[in-house]
């Protein structure tokens, strides 16, 4: 796997407008199984969230020190395909209710509480991490229970 210089995710609501305050993560796999999730943060007023490869690696290394038994494998040994993920609907709301202050940093609890993703369905898109060039992903979100298909562009 090669981390890109930057990953830029654009989120669109069902009306085609920017989806603001949506919490986005990048899930890494190791031998096809979930290994680590890097939280990007909340999308901005333009519906975008971005993170550099350097930030991903620095955050992982910091968490690896905190959780050495869970994060034994170096991040760069993960599979070259990751998933840009938005947890929405009931899954998001249940997860947010279960956040424990002693286990989750206060600033992340605040972000979860600010996020507006409960009204959207969960969605995701696979991305190839095989080049240092910028990776751009657009997710078109759908409202929970509307029956339309969300698409990754």
N, C-alpha and C. Protein backbone atom coordinates (compact mmCIF):
# COMPACT_ATOMS: atom_id res chain seq x y z
N UNK A 1 0.83 -1.17 0.00
CA UNK A 1 0.00 0.00 0.00
C UNK A 1 0.88 1.24 0.00
N UNK A 2 0.44 2.26 -0.71
CA UNK A 2 1.12 3.55 -0.73
C UNK A 2 0.09 4.61 -0.35
N UNK A 3 0.35 5.34 0.72
CA UNK A 3 -0.57 6.41 1.10
C UNK A 3 -0.46 7.56 0.12
N UNK A 4 -1.59 8.11 -0.30
CA UNK A 4 -1.56 9.27 -1.20
C UNK A 4 -1.14 10.53 -0.45
N UNK A 5 -0.76 11.54 -1.20
CA UNK A 5 -0.41 12.81 -0.55
C UNK A 5 -1.63 13.39 0.16
N UNK A 6 -2.82 13.16 -0.40
CA UNK A 6 -4.05 13.67 0.21
C UNK A 6 -5.23 12.85 -0.30
N UNK A 7 -6.23 12.70 0.57
CA UNK A 7 -7.51 12.11 0.18
C UNK A 7 -8.56 13.19 0.38
N UNK A 8 -9.33 13.45 -0.66
CA UNK A 8 -10.40 14.46 -0.62
C UNK A 8 -11.72 13.75 -0.87
N UNK A 9 -12.64 13.88 0.08
CA UNK A 9 -13.96 13.26 -0.05
C UNK A 9 -14.99 14.36 -0.17
N UNK A 10 -15.82 14.29 -1.21
CA UNK A 10 -16.93 15.22 -1.40
C UNK A 10 -18.23 14.46 -1.16
N UNK A 11 -19.12 15.07 -0.38
CA UNK A 11 -20.38 14.44 -0.02
C UNK A 11 -21.54 15.27 -0.56
N UNK A 12 -22.44 14.59 -1.25
CA UNK A 12 -23.62 15.25 -1.80
C UNK A 12 -24.87 14.64 -1.17
N UNK A 13 -25.81 15.49 -0.81
CA UNK A 13 -27.08 15.02 -0.31
C UNK A 13 -27.98 14.61 -1.47
N UNK A 14 -29.18 14.10 -1.18
CA UNK A 14 -30.10 13.65 -2.23
C UNK A 14 -30.50 14.77 -3.20
N UNK A 15 -30.43 16.00 -2.76
CA UNK A 15 -30.78 17.14 -3.61
C UNK A 15 -29.61 17.61 -4.47
N UNK A 16 -28.45 16.93 -4.37
CA UNK A 16 -27.27 17.30 -5.13
C UNK A 16 -26.43 18.39 -4.50
N UNK A 17 -26.90 18.90 -3.36
CA UNK A 17 -26.14 19.93 -2.64
C UNK A 17 -25.12 19.29 -1.70
N UNK A 18 -24.16 20.11 -1.29
CA UNK A 18 -23.13 19.66 -0.36
C UNK A 18 -23.77 19.17 0.94
N UNK A 19 -23.33 18.02 1.42
CA UNK A 19 -23.80 17.47 2.70
C UNK A 19 -22.82 17.91 3.78
N UNK A 20 -23.27 18.79 4.65
CA UNK A 20 -22.43 19.36 5.70
C UNK A 20 -22.50 18.55 6.98
N UNK A 21 -21.42 18.64 7.76
CA UNK A 21 -21.32 18.03 9.08
C UNK A 21 -21.59 16.53 9.07
N UNK A 22 -21.02 15.87 8.07
CA UNK A 22 -21.09 14.42 7.95
C UNK A 22 -19.75 13.85 8.39
N UNK A 23 -19.78 12.86 9.26
CA UNK A 23 -18.57 12.24 9.78
C UNK A 23 -18.10 11.16 8.80
N UNK A 24 -16.84 11.25 8.38
CA UNK A 24 -16.27 10.35 7.38
C UNK A 24 -15.06 9.63 7.97
N UNK A 25 -14.89 8.37 7.60
CA UNK A 25 -13.73 7.59 8.06
C UNK A 25 -13.13 6.83 6.88
N UNK A 26 -11.89 6.42 7.04
CA UNK A 26 -11.21 5.59 6.05
C UNK A 26 -10.84 4.29 6.75
N UNK A 27 -11.42 3.19 6.27
CA UNK A 27 -11.19 1.88 6.89
C UNK A 27 -10.11 1.12 6.13
N UNK A 28 -9.11 0.68 6.87
CA UNK A 28 -8.02 -0.13 6.30
C UNK A 28 -8.27 -1.59 6.62
N UNK A 29 -7.85 -2.45 5.69
CA UNK A 29 -7.98 -3.89 5.89
C UNK A 29 -6.60 -4.53 5.82
N UNK A 30 -6.50 -5.64 6.49
CA UNK A 30 -5.29 -6.45 6.44
C UNK A 30 -5.72 -7.86 6.09
N UNK A 31 -5.26 -8.36 4.96
CA UNK A 31 -5.67 -9.67 4.44
C UNK A 31 -7.18 -9.79 4.36
N UNK A 32 -7.82 -8.71 3.88
CA UNK A 32 -9.26 -8.73 3.65
C UNK A 32 -10.14 -8.53 4.86
N UNK A 33 -9.56 -8.30 6.01
CA UNK A 33 -10.34 -8.09 7.23
C UNK A 33 -10.12 -6.69 7.78
N UNK A 34 -11.17 -6.15 8.41
CA UNK A 34 -11.05 -4.82 9.00
C UNK A 34 -9.86 -4.80 9.96
N UNK A 35 -9.07 -3.70 9.87
CA UNK A 35 -7.92 -3.56 10.76
C UNK A 35 -7.92 -2.24 11.52
N UNK A 36 -8.14 -1.13 10.82
CA UNK A 36 -8.00 0.18 11.46
C UNK A 36 -8.89 1.19 10.73
N UNK A 37 -9.48 2.09 11.49
CA UNK A 37 -10.30 3.14 10.90
C UNK A 37 -9.72 4.51 11.25
N UNK A 38 -9.46 5.30 10.23
CA UNK A 38 -8.94 6.65 10.45
C UNK A 38 -10.10 7.63 10.27
N UNK A 39 -10.45 8.38 11.32
CA UNK A 39 -11.53 9.36 11.18
C UNK A 39 -11.03 10.64 10.50
N UNK A 40 -11.70 11.04 9.42
CA UNK A 40 -11.35 12.29 8.75
C UNK A 40 -11.83 13.48 9.56
N UNK A 41 -13.03 13.36 10.10
CA UNK A 41 -13.68 14.48 10.76
C UNK A 41 -14.97 14.80 10.05
N UNK A 42 -15.50 15.99 10.30
CA UNK A 42 -16.78 16.42 9.73
C UNK A 42 -16.57 17.15 8.41
N UNK A 43 -17.49 16.92 7.47
CA UNK A 43 -17.44 17.65 6.20
C UNK A 43 -17.74 19.13 6.44
N UNK A 44 -17.14 19.96 5.62
CA UNK A 44 -17.28 21.41 5.76
C UNK A 44 -18.51 21.93 5.01
N UNK A 45 -18.63 23.24 4.88
CA UNK A 45 -19.78 23.85 4.20
C UNK A 45 -19.87 23.48 2.72
N UNK A 46 -18.76 23.08 2.13
CA UNK A 46 -18.76 22.63 0.73
C UNK A 46 -18.97 21.12 0.63
N UNK A 47 -19.22 20.47 1.76
CA UNK A 47 -19.43 19.02 1.77
C UNK A 47 -18.14 18.24 1.59
N UNK A 48 -17.02 18.85 1.91
CA UNK A 48 -15.74 18.16 1.72
C UNK A 48 -15.03 17.92 3.05
N UNK A 49 -14.26 16.86 3.04
CA UNK A 49 -13.35 16.57 4.13
C UNK A 49 -12.08 16.03 3.48
N UNK A 50 -10.95 16.38 4.05
CA UNK A 50 -9.68 15.97 3.44
C UNK A 50 -8.67 15.65 4.53
N UNK A 51 -7.75 14.79 4.17
CA UNK A 51 -6.69 14.43 5.10
C UNK A 51 -5.45 14.07 4.28
N UNK A 52 -4.29 14.38 4.82
CA UNK A 52 -3.05 14.03 4.12
C UNK A 52 -2.61 12.63 4.54
N UNK A 53 -1.84 12.01 3.67
CA UNK A 53 -1.27 10.71 4.00
C UNK A 53 -0.38 10.79 5.23
N UNK A 54 0.34 11.90 5.37
CA UNK A 54 1.20 12.11 6.54
C UNK A 54 0.39 12.14 7.83
N UNK A 55 -0.78 12.81 7.79
CA UNK A 55 -1.64 12.87 8.98
C UNK A 55 -2.19 11.49 9.34
N UNK A 56 -2.58 10.73 8.32
CA UNK A 56 -3.08 9.37 8.57
C UNK A 56 -2.01 8.55 9.28
N UNK A 57 -0.80 8.59 8.75
CA UNK A 57 0.30 7.80 9.31
C UNK A 57 0.66 8.26 10.72
N UNK A 58 0.70 9.56 10.95
CA UNK A 58 1.03 10.09 12.28
C UNK A 58 -0.04 9.70 13.31
N UNK A 59 -1.31 9.78 12.92
CA UNK A 59 -2.39 9.40 13.82
C UNK A 59 -2.31 7.91 14.14
N UNK A 60 -2.08 7.10 13.11
CA UNK A 60 -1.96 5.66 13.33
C UNK A 60 -0.83 5.35 14.30
N UNK A 61 0.32 5.95 14.08
CA UNK A 61 1.48 5.68 14.94
C UNK A 61 1.21 6.09 16.38
N UNK A 62 0.52 7.18 16.57
CA UNK A 62 0.14 7.63 17.92
C UNK A 62 -0.81 6.61 18.58
N UNK A 63 -1.78 6.15 17.82
CA UNK A 63 -2.73 5.16 18.35
C UNK A 63 -2.06 3.80 18.54
N UNK A 64 -1.07 3.50 17.72
CA UNK A 64 -0.34 2.25 17.86
C UNK A 64 0.40 2.21 19.20
N UNK A 65 0.90 3.36 19.65
CA UNK A 65 1.56 3.44 20.96
C UNK A 65 0.53 3.22 22.07
N UNK A 66 -0.66 3.78 21.91
CA UNK A 66 -1.71 3.65 22.92
C UNK A 66 -2.31 2.24 22.95
N UNK A 67 -2.40 1.60 21.78
CA UNK A 67 -3.06 0.29 21.68
C UNK A 67 -2.15 -0.72 20.99
N UNK A 68 -0.99 -1.04 21.59
CA UNK A 68 -0.01 -1.90 20.91
C UNK A 68 -0.51 -3.32 20.64
N UNK A 69 -1.42 -3.82 21.44
CA UNK A 69 -1.92 -5.18 21.21
C UNK A 69 -2.93 -5.23 20.06
N UNK A 70 -3.64 -4.14 19.82
CA UNK A 70 -4.63 -4.10 18.75
C UNK A 70 -4.02 -3.71 17.41
N UNK A 71 -2.99 -2.90 17.43
CA UNK A 71 -2.41 -2.36 16.20
C UNK A 71 -0.96 -2.82 16.04
N UNK A 72 -0.79 -4.12 15.89
CA UNK A 72 0.55 -4.71 15.78
C UNK A 72 1.15 -4.55 14.39
N UNK A 73 0.32 -4.59 13.37
CA UNK A 73 0.80 -4.55 11.99
C UNK A 73 1.04 -3.10 11.56
N UNK A 74 2.18 -2.79 10.98
CA UNK A 74 2.40 -1.43 10.47
C UNK A 74 1.35 -1.07 9.41
N UNK A 75 0.86 0.15 9.43
CA UNK A 75 -0.22 0.57 8.53
C UNK A 75 0.14 0.34 7.07
N UNK A 76 1.38 0.59 6.70
CA UNK A 76 1.78 0.46 5.29
C UNK A 76 1.81 -0.99 4.81
N UNK A 77 1.59 -1.95 5.71
CA UNK A 77 1.49 -3.35 5.32
C UNK A 77 0.04 -3.78 5.08
N UNK A 78 -0.91 -2.83 5.22
CA UNK A 78 -2.32 -3.13 4.98
C UNK A 78 -2.58 -3.35 3.50
N UNK A 79 -3.77 -3.88 3.20
CA UNK A 79 -4.17 -4.10 1.81
C UNK A 79 -4.18 -2.77 1.05
N UNK A 80 -3.92 -2.80 -0.26
CA UNK A 80 -3.88 -1.57 -1.04
C UNK A 80 -5.26 -0.99 -1.39
N UNK A 81 -6.30 -1.62 -0.90
CA UNK A 81 -7.65 -1.09 -1.10
C UNK A 81 -8.25 -0.78 0.27
N UNK A 82 -8.77 0.43 0.42
CA UNK A 82 -9.40 0.86 1.67
C UNK A 82 -10.83 1.29 1.34
N UNK A 83 -11.59 1.60 2.37
CA UNK A 83 -12.99 2.00 2.18
C UNK A 83 -13.22 3.35 2.82
N UNK A 84 -13.66 4.32 2.01
CA UNK A 84 -14.13 5.60 2.53
C UNK A 84 -15.55 5.32 3.01
N UNK A 85 -15.80 5.58 4.29
CA UNK A 85 -17.06 5.14 4.89
C UNK A 85 -17.77 6.27 5.62
N UNK A 86 -19.09 6.26 5.45
CA UNK A 86 -19.98 7.12 6.21
C UNK A 86 -20.94 6.19 6.94
N UNK A 87 -20.91 6.22 8.27
CA UNK A 87 -21.86 5.44 9.07
C UNK A 87 -23.07 6.33 9.29
N UNK A 88 -24.23 5.85 8.86
CA UNK A 88 -25.44 6.66 8.98
C UNK A 88 -26.58 5.92 9.63
N UNK A 89 -27.72 6.58 9.68
CA UNK A 89 -28.95 6.00 10.17
C UNK A 89 -28.84 5.45 11.58
N UNK A 90 -29.51 4.33 11.81
CA UNK A 90 -29.57 3.72 13.14
C UNK A 90 -28.18 3.29 13.62
N UNK A 91 -27.33 2.81 12.72
CA UNK A 91 -25.98 2.39 13.12
C UNK A 91 -25.22 3.57 13.72
N UNK A 92 -25.32 4.73 13.08
CA UNK A 92 -24.64 5.92 13.58
C UNK A 92 -25.22 6.33 14.94
N UNK A 93 -26.54 6.39 15.03
CA UNK A 93 -27.19 6.83 16.27
C UNK A 93 -26.87 5.88 17.43
N UNK A 94 -26.88 4.56 17.17
CA UNK A 94 -26.53 3.58 18.21
C UNK A 94 -25.09 3.74 18.66
N UNK A 95 -24.20 3.90 17.70
CA UNK A 95 -22.77 4.06 18.01
C UNK A 95 -22.55 5.34 18.83
N UNK A 96 -23.20 6.41 18.44
CA UNK A 96 -23.04 7.68 19.16
C UNK A 96 -23.53 7.55 20.60
N UNK A 97 -24.63 6.84 20.82
CA UNK A 97 -25.13 6.64 22.18
C UNK A 97 -24.15 5.84 23.03
N UNK A 98 -23.35 4.98 22.40
CA UNK A 98 -22.43 4.12 23.13
C UNK A 98 -21.05 4.71 23.39
N UNK A 99 -20.80 5.94 22.96
CA UNK A 99 -19.49 6.55 23.16
C UNK A 99 -19.24 6.75 24.65
N UNK A 100 -18.09 6.30 25.11
CA UNK A 100 -17.75 6.41 26.53
C UNK A 100 -16.61 7.40 26.71
N UNK A 101 -16.82 8.44 27.54
CA UNK A 101 -15.81 9.49 27.71
C UNK A 101 -14.42 8.98 28.08
N UNK A 102 -14.29 7.92 28.83
CA UNK A 102 -12.97 7.42 29.19
C UNK A 102 -12.24 6.74 28.05
N UNK A 103 -13.00 6.31 27.01
CA UNK A 103 -12.42 5.56 25.90
C UNK A 103 -12.28 6.38 24.63
N UNK A 104 -13.07 7.46 24.52
CA UNK A 104 -13.07 8.29 23.32
C UNK A 104 -12.68 9.71 23.72
N UNK A 105 -11.77 10.31 22.95
CA UNK A 105 -11.31 11.66 23.26
C UNK A 105 -12.49 12.63 23.23
N UNK A 106 -12.51 13.60 24.15
CA UNK A 106 -13.62 14.55 24.23
C UNK A 106 -13.91 15.28 22.91
N UNK A 107 -12.86 15.62 22.16
CA UNK A 107 -13.09 16.33 20.90
C UNK A 107 -13.81 15.46 19.87
N UNK A 108 -13.60 14.13 19.95
CA UNK A 108 -14.30 13.24 19.03
C UNK A 108 -15.74 13.01 19.47
N UNK A 109 -15.98 12.99 20.76
CA UNK A 109 -17.36 12.90 21.23
C UNK A 109 -18.12 14.14 20.75
N UNK A 110 -17.49 15.30 20.83
CA UNK A 110 -18.12 16.54 20.35
C UNK A 110 -18.43 16.45 18.86
N UNK A 111 -17.50 15.90 18.06
CA UNK A 111 -17.74 15.76 16.62
C UNK A 111 -18.90 14.81 16.35
N UNK A 112 -18.94 13.70 17.07
CA UNK A 112 -20.05 12.75 16.91
C UNK A 112 -21.37 13.42 17.25
N UNK A 113 -21.37 14.23 18.29
CA UNK A 113 -22.61 14.91 18.69
C UNK A 113 -23.02 15.99 17.69
N UNK A 114 -22.06 16.59 17.01
CA UNK A 114 -22.34 17.63 16.03
C UNK A 114 -22.76 17.05 14.68
N UNK A 115 -22.34 15.85 14.38
CA UNK A 115 -22.59 15.24 13.07
C UNK A 115 -24.08 15.14 12.77
N UNK A 116 -24.40 15.36 11.50
CA UNK A 116 -25.79 15.36 11.03
C UNK A 116 -26.11 14.12 10.19
N UNK A 117 -25.37 13.06 10.38
CA UNK A 117 -25.48 11.90 9.50
C UNK A 117 -26.62 10.95 9.87
N UNK A 118 -27.25 11.12 11.01
CA UNK A 118 -28.34 10.22 11.40
C UNK A 118 -29.46 10.17 10.40
N UNK A 119 -29.65 11.21 9.61
CA UNK A 119 -30.74 11.23 8.63
C UNK A 119 -30.38 10.54 7.32
N UNK A 120 -29.08 10.25 7.12
CA UNK A 120 -28.63 9.58 5.90
C UNK A 120 -28.34 8.10 6.16
N UNK A 121 -28.45 7.29 5.10
CA UNK A 121 -28.04 5.89 5.19
C UNK A 121 -26.52 5.79 5.22
N UNK A 122 -26.03 4.68 5.74
CA UNK A 122 -24.60 4.40 5.67
C UNK A 122 -24.21 4.23 4.20
N UNK A 123 -22.97 4.56 3.89
CA UNK A 123 -22.49 4.43 2.52
C UNK A 123 -20.98 4.29 2.55
N UNK A 124 -20.42 3.86 1.45
CA UNK A 124 -18.97 3.73 1.36
C UNK A 124 -18.53 3.50 -0.06
N UNK A 125 -17.24 3.67 -0.27
CA UNK A 125 -16.66 3.47 -1.58
C UNK A 125 -15.23 2.96 -1.41
N UNK A 126 -14.88 1.95 -2.18
CA UNK A 126 -13.51 1.43 -2.16
C UNK A 126 -12.58 2.40 -2.89
N UNK A 127 -11.38 2.53 -2.35
CA UNK A 127 -10.36 3.35 -2.99
C UNK A 127 -9.06 2.56 -3.04
N UNK A 128 -8.36 2.70 -4.14
CA UNK A 128 -7.05 2.06 -4.31
C UNK A 128 -5.98 2.99 -3.75
N UNK A 129 -5.14 2.46 -2.91
CA UNK A 129 -4.03 3.22 -2.33
C UNK A 129 -2.72 2.64 -2.88
N UNK A 130 -2.46 2.98 -4.13
CA UNK A 130 -1.30 2.42 -4.83
C UNK A 130 -0.40 3.48 -5.44
N UNK A 131 -0.69 4.75 -5.14
CA UNK A 131 0.07 5.84 -5.73
C UNK A 131 0.10 7.02 -4.75
N UNK A 132 1.17 7.80 -4.79
CA UNK A 132 1.25 8.96 -3.90
C UNK A 132 0.42 10.15 -4.37
N UNK A 133 -0.28 10.03 -5.50
CA UNK A 133 -1.07 11.16 -6.00
C UNK A 133 -2.36 11.32 -5.20
N UNK A 134 -2.96 12.49 -5.30
CA UNK A 134 -4.20 12.82 -4.58
C UNK A 134 -5.32 11.86 -5.01
N UNK A 135 -6.07 11.38 -4.04
CA UNK A 135 -7.24 10.52 -4.30
C UNK A 135 -8.49 11.35 -4.03
N UNK A 136 -9.42 11.37 -4.99
CA UNK A 136 -10.68 12.09 -4.84
C UNK A 136 -11.84 11.11 -4.92
N UNK A 137 -12.77 11.26 -3.98
CA UNK A 137 -13.94 10.38 -3.92
C UNK A 137 -15.17 11.26 -3.70
N UNK A 138 -16.25 10.94 -4.41
CA UNK A 138 -17.53 11.62 -4.18
C UNK A 138 -18.56 10.58 -3.79
N UNK A 139 -19.25 10.84 -2.69
CA UNK A 139 -20.35 9.97 -2.26
C UNK A 139 -21.65 10.75 -2.35
N UNK A 140 -22.64 10.13 -2.99
CA UNK A 140 -23.98 10.70 -3.04
C UNK A 140 -24.81 9.98 -1.98
N UNK A 141 -25.20 10.69 -0.95
CA UNK A 141 -25.90 10.10 0.17
C UNK A 141 -27.40 10.09 -0.08
N UNK A 142 -28.09 9.15 0.55
CA UNK A 142 -29.55 9.11 0.46
C UNK A 142 -30.14 9.18 1.86
N UNK A 143 -31.34 9.67 1.93
CA UNK A 143 -32.04 9.79 3.20
C UNK A 143 -32.46 8.40 3.65
N UNK A 144 -32.39 8.15 4.95
CA UNK A 144 -32.77 6.86 5.51
C UNK A 144 -34.18 6.50 5.07
N UNK A 145 -34.31 5.28 4.52
CA UNK A 145 -35.62 4.75 4.19
C UNK A 145 -36.28 5.31 2.94
N UNK A 146 -35.56 6.05 2.08
CA UNK A 146 -36.23 6.59 0.89
C UNK A 146 -36.26 5.62 -0.28
N UNK A 147 -35.52 4.50 -0.16
CA UNK A 147 -35.55 3.46 -1.18
C UNK A 147 -34.67 3.72 -2.38
N UNK A 148 -34.08 4.89 -2.51
CA UNK A 148 -33.20 5.15 -3.66
C UNK A 148 -31.83 4.55 -3.38
N UNK A 149 -31.08 4.38 -4.41
CA UNK A 149 -29.73 3.83 -4.27
C UNK A 149 -28.72 4.95 -4.12
N UNK A 150 -27.84 4.84 -3.10
CA UNK A 150 -26.73 5.76 -2.97
C UNK A 150 -25.65 5.32 -3.94
N UNK A 151 -24.94 6.26 -4.51
CA UNK A 151 -23.91 5.92 -5.48
C UNK A 151 -22.60 6.57 -5.09
N UNK A 152 -21.54 5.85 -5.32
CA UNK A 152 -20.20 6.43 -5.19
C UNK A 152 -19.78 6.82 -6.59
N UNK A 153 -19.31 8.02 -6.75
CA UNK A 153 -18.91 8.52 -8.07
C UNK A 153 -17.40 8.57 -8.13
